[in-house]
Amino acid sequence: MTETRDRIHELINSLKQQRDELAVRMHLAGAEAKQEWSRLDDKVNQLSHRFDPLKQAVGESTDDVWISLKLLGEELQHGFQRIRKSL
């Protein structure tokens, strides 16, 4: 359980770091990239807020939570890559 919680925490921290790095470059970005940015920024915030109460989750539900968060994290990473390519 601790390992899964650590992996979720690492995923969220990585996504926040990517988000923050891209934010610095966004002032030069076009409107389409800014829209994508806004959508992804909201999702990172939602992910982080949803994880907070789940930190104490136990048993099999922890694995289900990890799988769901991992899929969302992958979606966010792909979105960040699209933004990087457009900058």
N, C-alpha and C. Protein backbone atom coordinates (compact mmCIF):
# COMPACT_ATOMS: atom_id res chain seq x y z
N MET A 1 0.83 -1.18 0.00
CA MET A 1 0.00 0.00 0.00
C MET A 1 0.87 1.25 0.00
N THR A 2 1.91 1.27 0.81
CA THR A 2 2.79 2.42 0.87
C THR A 2 3.47 2.65 -0.47
N GLU A 3 3.86 1.56 -1.14
CA GLU A 3 4.50 1.68 -2.44
C GLU A 3 3.56 2.33 -3.45
N THR A 4 2.32 1.91 -3.47
CA THR A 4 1.35 2.49 -4.39
C THR A 4 1.12 3.96 -4.07
N ARG A 5 0.99 4.27 -2.82
CA ARG A 5 0.79 5.66 -2.42
C ARG A 5 1.98 6.50 -2.84
N ASP A 6 3.20 5.98 -2.69
CA ASP A 6 4.40 6.70 -3.10
C ASP A 6 4.43 6.91 -4.61
N ARG A 7 4.00 5.88 -5.37
CA ARG A 7 3.98 6.00 -6.83
C ARG A 7 2.97 7.05 -7.27
N ILE A 8 1.82 7.10 -6.62
CA ILE A 8 0.81 8.11 -6.94
C ILE A 8 1.36 9.50 -6.61
N HIS A 9 2.00 9.62 -5.46
CA HIS A 9 2.58 10.90 -5.06
C HIS A 9 3.65 11.34 -6.07
N GLU A 10 4.49 10.42 -6.50
CA GLU A 10 5.53 10.73 -7.49
C GLU A 10 4.91 11.16 -8.82
N LEU A 11 3.85 10.48 -9.24
CA LEU A 11 3.17 10.83 -10.48
C LEU A 11 2.62 12.25 -10.41
N ILE A 12 1.94 12.56 -9.33
CA ILE A 12 1.36 13.89 -9.17
C ILE A 12 2.45 14.95 -9.13
N ASN A 13 3.52 14.69 -8.40
CA ASN A 13 4.62 15.66 -8.34
C ASN A 13 5.26 15.87 -9.71
N SER A 14 5.43 14.79 -10.47
CA SER A 14 5.99 14.90 -11.81
C SER A 14 5.09 15.72 -12.71
N LEU A 15 3.79 15.48 -12.64
CA LEU A 15 2.84 16.23 -13.46
C LEU A 15 2.83 17.71 -13.07
N LYS A 16 2.89 17.99 -11.78
CA LYS A 16 2.93 19.38 -11.33
C LYS A 16 4.20 20.07 -11.83
N GLN A 17 5.33 19.36 -11.79
CA GLN A 17 6.58 19.93 -12.25
C GLN A 17 6.51 20.24 -13.75
N GLN A 18 5.99 19.28 -14.54
CA GLN A 18 5.84 19.51 -15.97
C GLN A 18 4.92 20.70 -16.24
N ARG A 19 3.81 20.74 -15.50
CA ARG A 19 2.87 21.84 -15.64
C ARG A 19 3.54 23.17 -15.35
N ASP A 20 4.32 23.23 -14.26
CA ASP A 20 4.97 24.47 -13.87
C ASP A 20 6.01 24.91 -14.90
N GLU A 21 6.76 23.94 -15.45
CA GLU A 21 7.77 24.27 -16.46
C GLU A 21 7.11 24.83 -17.72
N LEU A 22 6.00 24.22 -18.11
CA LEU A 22 5.30 24.71 -19.30
C LEU A 22 4.65 26.07 -19.06
N ALA A 23 4.21 26.33 -17.84
CA ALA A 23 3.59 27.61 -17.52
C ALA A 23 4.53 28.77 -17.82
N VAL A 24 5.80 28.55 -17.57
CA VAL A 24 6.80 29.58 -17.82
C VAL A 24 6.85 29.94 -19.31
N ARG A 25 6.63 28.93 -20.17
CA ARG A 25 6.72 29.14 -21.61
C ARG A 25 5.40 29.56 -22.25
N MET A 26 4.31 29.50 -21.50
CA MET A 26 2.99 29.74 -22.07
C MET A 26 2.74 31.17 -22.51
N HIS A 27 3.43 32.13 -21.97
CA HIS A 27 3.16 33.52 -22.35
C HIS A 27 3.45 33.77 -23.83
N LEU A 28 4.21 32.90 -24.46
CA LEU A 28 4.52 33.04 -25.88
C LEU A 28 3.66 32.14 -26.77
N ALA A 29 2.82 31.33 -26.16
CA ALA A 29 2.08 30.31 -26.90
C ALA A 29 0.86 30.89 -27.60
N GLY A 30 0.40 30.16 -28.61
CA GLY A 30 -0.80 30.55 -29.34
C GLY A 30 -2.06 30.19 -28.57
N ALA A 31 -3.19 30.61 -29.09
CA ALA A 31 -4.48 30.42 -28.42
C ALA A 31 -4.82 28.94 -28.25
N GLU A 32 -4.53 28.11 -29.24
CA GLU A 32 -4.86 26.69 -29.15
C GLU A 32 -4.07 26.03 -28.02
N ALA A 33 -2.80 26.34 -27.92
CA ALA A 33 -1.97 25.78 -26.85
C ALA A 33 -2.47 26.26 -25.49
N LYS A 34 -2.91 27.51 -25.42
CA LYS A 34 -3.41 28.04 -24.15
C LYS A 34 -4.70 27.34 -23.73
N GLN A 35 -5.56 27.01 -24.68
CA GLN A 35 -6.78 26.27 -24.35
C GLN A 35 -6.44 24.88 -23.84
N GLU A 36 -5.51 24.22 -24.53
CA GLU A 36 -5.08 22.88 -24.10
C GLU A 36 -4.46 22.98 -22.70
N TRP A 37 -3.66 24.02 -22.49
CA TRP A 37 -3.03 24.24 -21.20
C TRP A 37 -4.07 24.38 -20.10
N SER A 38 -5.09 25.17 -20.33
CA SER A 38 -6.12 25.40 -19.33
C SER A 38 -6.83 24.09 -18.97
N ARG A 39 -7.13 23.28 -19.97
CA ARG A 39 -7.79 22.00 -19.74
C ARG A 39 -6.90 21.08 -18.90
N LEU A 40 -5.62 21.01 -19.25
CA LEU A 40 -4.69 20.13 -18.53
C LEU A 40 -4.41 20.63 -17.12
N ASP A 41 -4.30 21.93 -16.97
CA ASP A 41 -4.05 22.51 -15.65
C ASP A 41 -5.20 22.15 -14.71
N ASP A 42 -6.43 22.26 -15.20
CA ASP A 42 -7.59 21.89 -14.39
C ASP A 42 -7.53 20.42 -14.00
N LYS A 43 -7.14 19.56 -14.93
CA LYS A 43 -7.07 18.12 -14.64
C LYS A 43 -6.00 17.80 -13.60
N VAL A 44 -4.84 18.47 -13.69
CA VAL A 44 -3.79 18.23 -12.68
C VAL A 44 -4.30 18.64 -11.30
N ASN A 45 -4.96 19.77 -11.23
CA ASN A 45 -5.51 20.21 -9.95
C ASN A 45 -6.55 19.24 -9.42
N GLN A 46 -7.43 18.74 -10.30
CA GLN A 46 -8.44 17.76 -9.89
C GLN A 46 -7.77 16.48 -9.39
N LEU A 47 -6.75 16.04 -10.13
CA LEU A 47 -6.03 14.82 -9.74
C LEU A 47 -5.43 14.97 -8.36
N SER A 48 -4.79 16.09 -8.13
CA SER A 48 -4.14 16.34 -6.85
C SER A 48 -5.17 16.37 -5.71
N HIS A 49 -6.28 17.06 -5.93
CA HIS A 49 -7.30 17.16 -4.89
C HIS A 49 -7.99 15.83 -4.62
N ARG A 50 -8.15 15.03 -5.65
CA ARG A 50 -8.78 13.72 -5.47
C ARG A 50 -7.85 12.76 -4.73
N PHE A 51 -6.56 12.92 -4.94
CA PHE A 51 -5.60 12.03 -4.29
C PHE A 51 -5.51 12.28 -2.80
N ASP A 52 -5.60 13.51 -2.38
CA ASP A 52 -5.42 13.84 -0.96
C ASP A 52 -6.26 12.97 -0.03
N PRO A 53 -7.58 12.84 -0.25
CA PRO A 53 -8.34 12.00 0.68
C PRO A 53 -8.10 10.50 0.48
N LEU A 54 -7.49 10.13 -0.64
CA LEU A 54 -7.25 8.72 -0.91
C LEU A 54 -5.92 8.22 -0.36
N LYS A 55 -5.14 9.09 0.19
CA LYS A 55 -3.82 8.70 0.68
C LYS A 55 -3.92 7.59 1.72
N GLN A 56 -5.03 7.52 2.41
CA GLN A 56 -5.19 6.52 3.45
C GLN A 56 -5.94 5.27 2.96
N ALA A 57 -6.21 5.22 1.65
CA ALA A 57 -6.95 4.07 1.10
C ALA A 57 -6.18 2.77 1.37
N VAL A 58 -6.92 1.71 1.57
CA VAL A 58 -6.30 0.42 1.86
C VAL A 58 -6.88 -0.66 0.97
N GLY A 59 -6.20 -1.82 0.94
CA GLY A 59 -6.71 -3.00 0.25
C GLY A 59 -6.71 -2.88 -1.26
N GLU A 60 -7.58 -3.62 -1.89
CA GLU A 60 -7.64 -3.71 -3.34
C GLU A 60 -8.01 -2.38 -3.97
N SER A 61 -8.77 -1.57 -3.29
CA SER A 61 -9.18 -0.30 -3.87
C SER A 61 -7.97 0.58 -4.19
N THR A 62 -6.89 0.41 -3.45
CA THR A 62 -5.67 1.17 -3.72
C THR A 62 -5.15 0.86 -5.11
N ASP A 63 -5.17 -0.41 -5.50
CA ASP A 63 -4.71 -0.78 -6.84
C ASP A 63 -5.61 -0.18 -7.91
N ASP A 64 -6.92 -0.19 -7.68
CA ASP A 64 -7.86 0.39 -8.64
C ASP A 64 -7.62 1.90 -8.77
N VAL A 65 -7.40 2.53 -7.64
CA VAL A 65 -7.13 3.97 -7.66
C VAL A 65 -5.85 4.25 -8.43
N TRP A 66 -4.81 3.44 -8.19
CA TRP A 66 -3.54 3.63 -8.87
C TRP A 66 -3.72 3.51 -10.38
N ILE A 67 -4.44 2.49 -10.82
CA ILE A 67 -4.65 2.28 -12.26
C ILE A 67 -5.38 3.48 -12.87
N SER A 68 -6.41 3.96 -12.22
CA SER A 68 -7.17 5.11 -12.72
C SER A 68 -6.31 6.37 -12.77
N LEU A 69 -5.56 6.60 -11.69
CA LEU A 69 -4.71 7.79 -11.65
C LEU A 69 -3.58 7.69 -12.67
N LYS A 70 -3.06 6.49 -12.89
CA LYS A 70 -2.01 6.30 -13.87
C LYS A 70 -2.52 6.62 -15.27
N LEU A 71 -3.72 6.17 -15.60
CA LEU A 71 -4.30 6.47 -16.91
C LEU A 71 -4.50 7.97 -17.09
N LEU A 72 -5.00 8.63 -16.06
CA LEU A 72 -5.18 10.07 -16.12
C LEU A 72 -3.83 10.77 -16.24
N GLY A 73 -2.85 10.29 -15.51
CA GLY A 73 -1.50 10.86 -15.58
C GLY A 73 -0.91 10.73 -16.97
N GLU A 74 -1.13 9.58 -17.62
CA GLU A 74 -0.63 9.39 -18.98
C GLU A 74 -1.31 10.35 -19.95
N GLU A 75 -2.62 10.55 -19.76
CA GLU A 75 -3.34 11.51 -20.61
C GLU A 75 -2.76 12.91 -20.45
N LEU A 76 -2.48 13.28 -19.21
CA LEU A 76 -1.91 14.61 -18.95
C LEU A 76 -0.51 14.73 -19.55
N GLN A 77 0.30 13.69 -19.43
CA GLN A 77 1.65 13.74 -20.00
C GLN A 77 1.59 13.89 -21.51
N HIS A 78 0.67 13.18 -22.17
CA HIS A 78 0.52 13.32 -23.62
C HIS A 78 0.08 14.74 -23.98
N GLY A 79 -0.81 15.30 -23.18
CA GLY A 79 -1.22 16.68 -23.41
C GLY A 79 -0.08 17.66 -23.26
N PHE A 80 0.75 17.45 -22.25
CA PHE A 80 1.91 18.31 -22.05
C PHE A 80 2.87 18.18 -23.25
N GLN A 81 3.02 16.97 -23.76
CA GLN A 81 3.89 16.77 -24.93
C GLN A 81 3.34 17.52 -26.14
N ARG A 82 2.02 17.51 -26.33
CA ARG A 82 1.41 18.25 -27.46
C ARG A 82 1.71 19.74 -27.32
N ILE A 83 1.61 20.25 -26.10
CA ILE A 83 1.88 21.67 -25.88
C ILE A 83 3.35 21.96 -26.16
N ARG A 84 4.26 21.12 -25.67
CA ARG A 84 5.69 21.33 -25.92
C ARG A 84 5.97 21.41 -27.42
N LYS A 85 5.35 20.52 -28.20
CA LYS A 85 5.57 20.50 -29.64
C LYS A 85 5.04 21.77 -30.30
N SER A 86 4.01 22.37 -29.73
CA SER A 86 3.44 23.57 -30.34
C SER A 86 4.18 24.85 -29.93
N LEU A 87 5.04 24.76 -28.94
CA LEU A 87 5.76 25.96 -28.47
C LEU A 87 7.01 26.20 -29.28
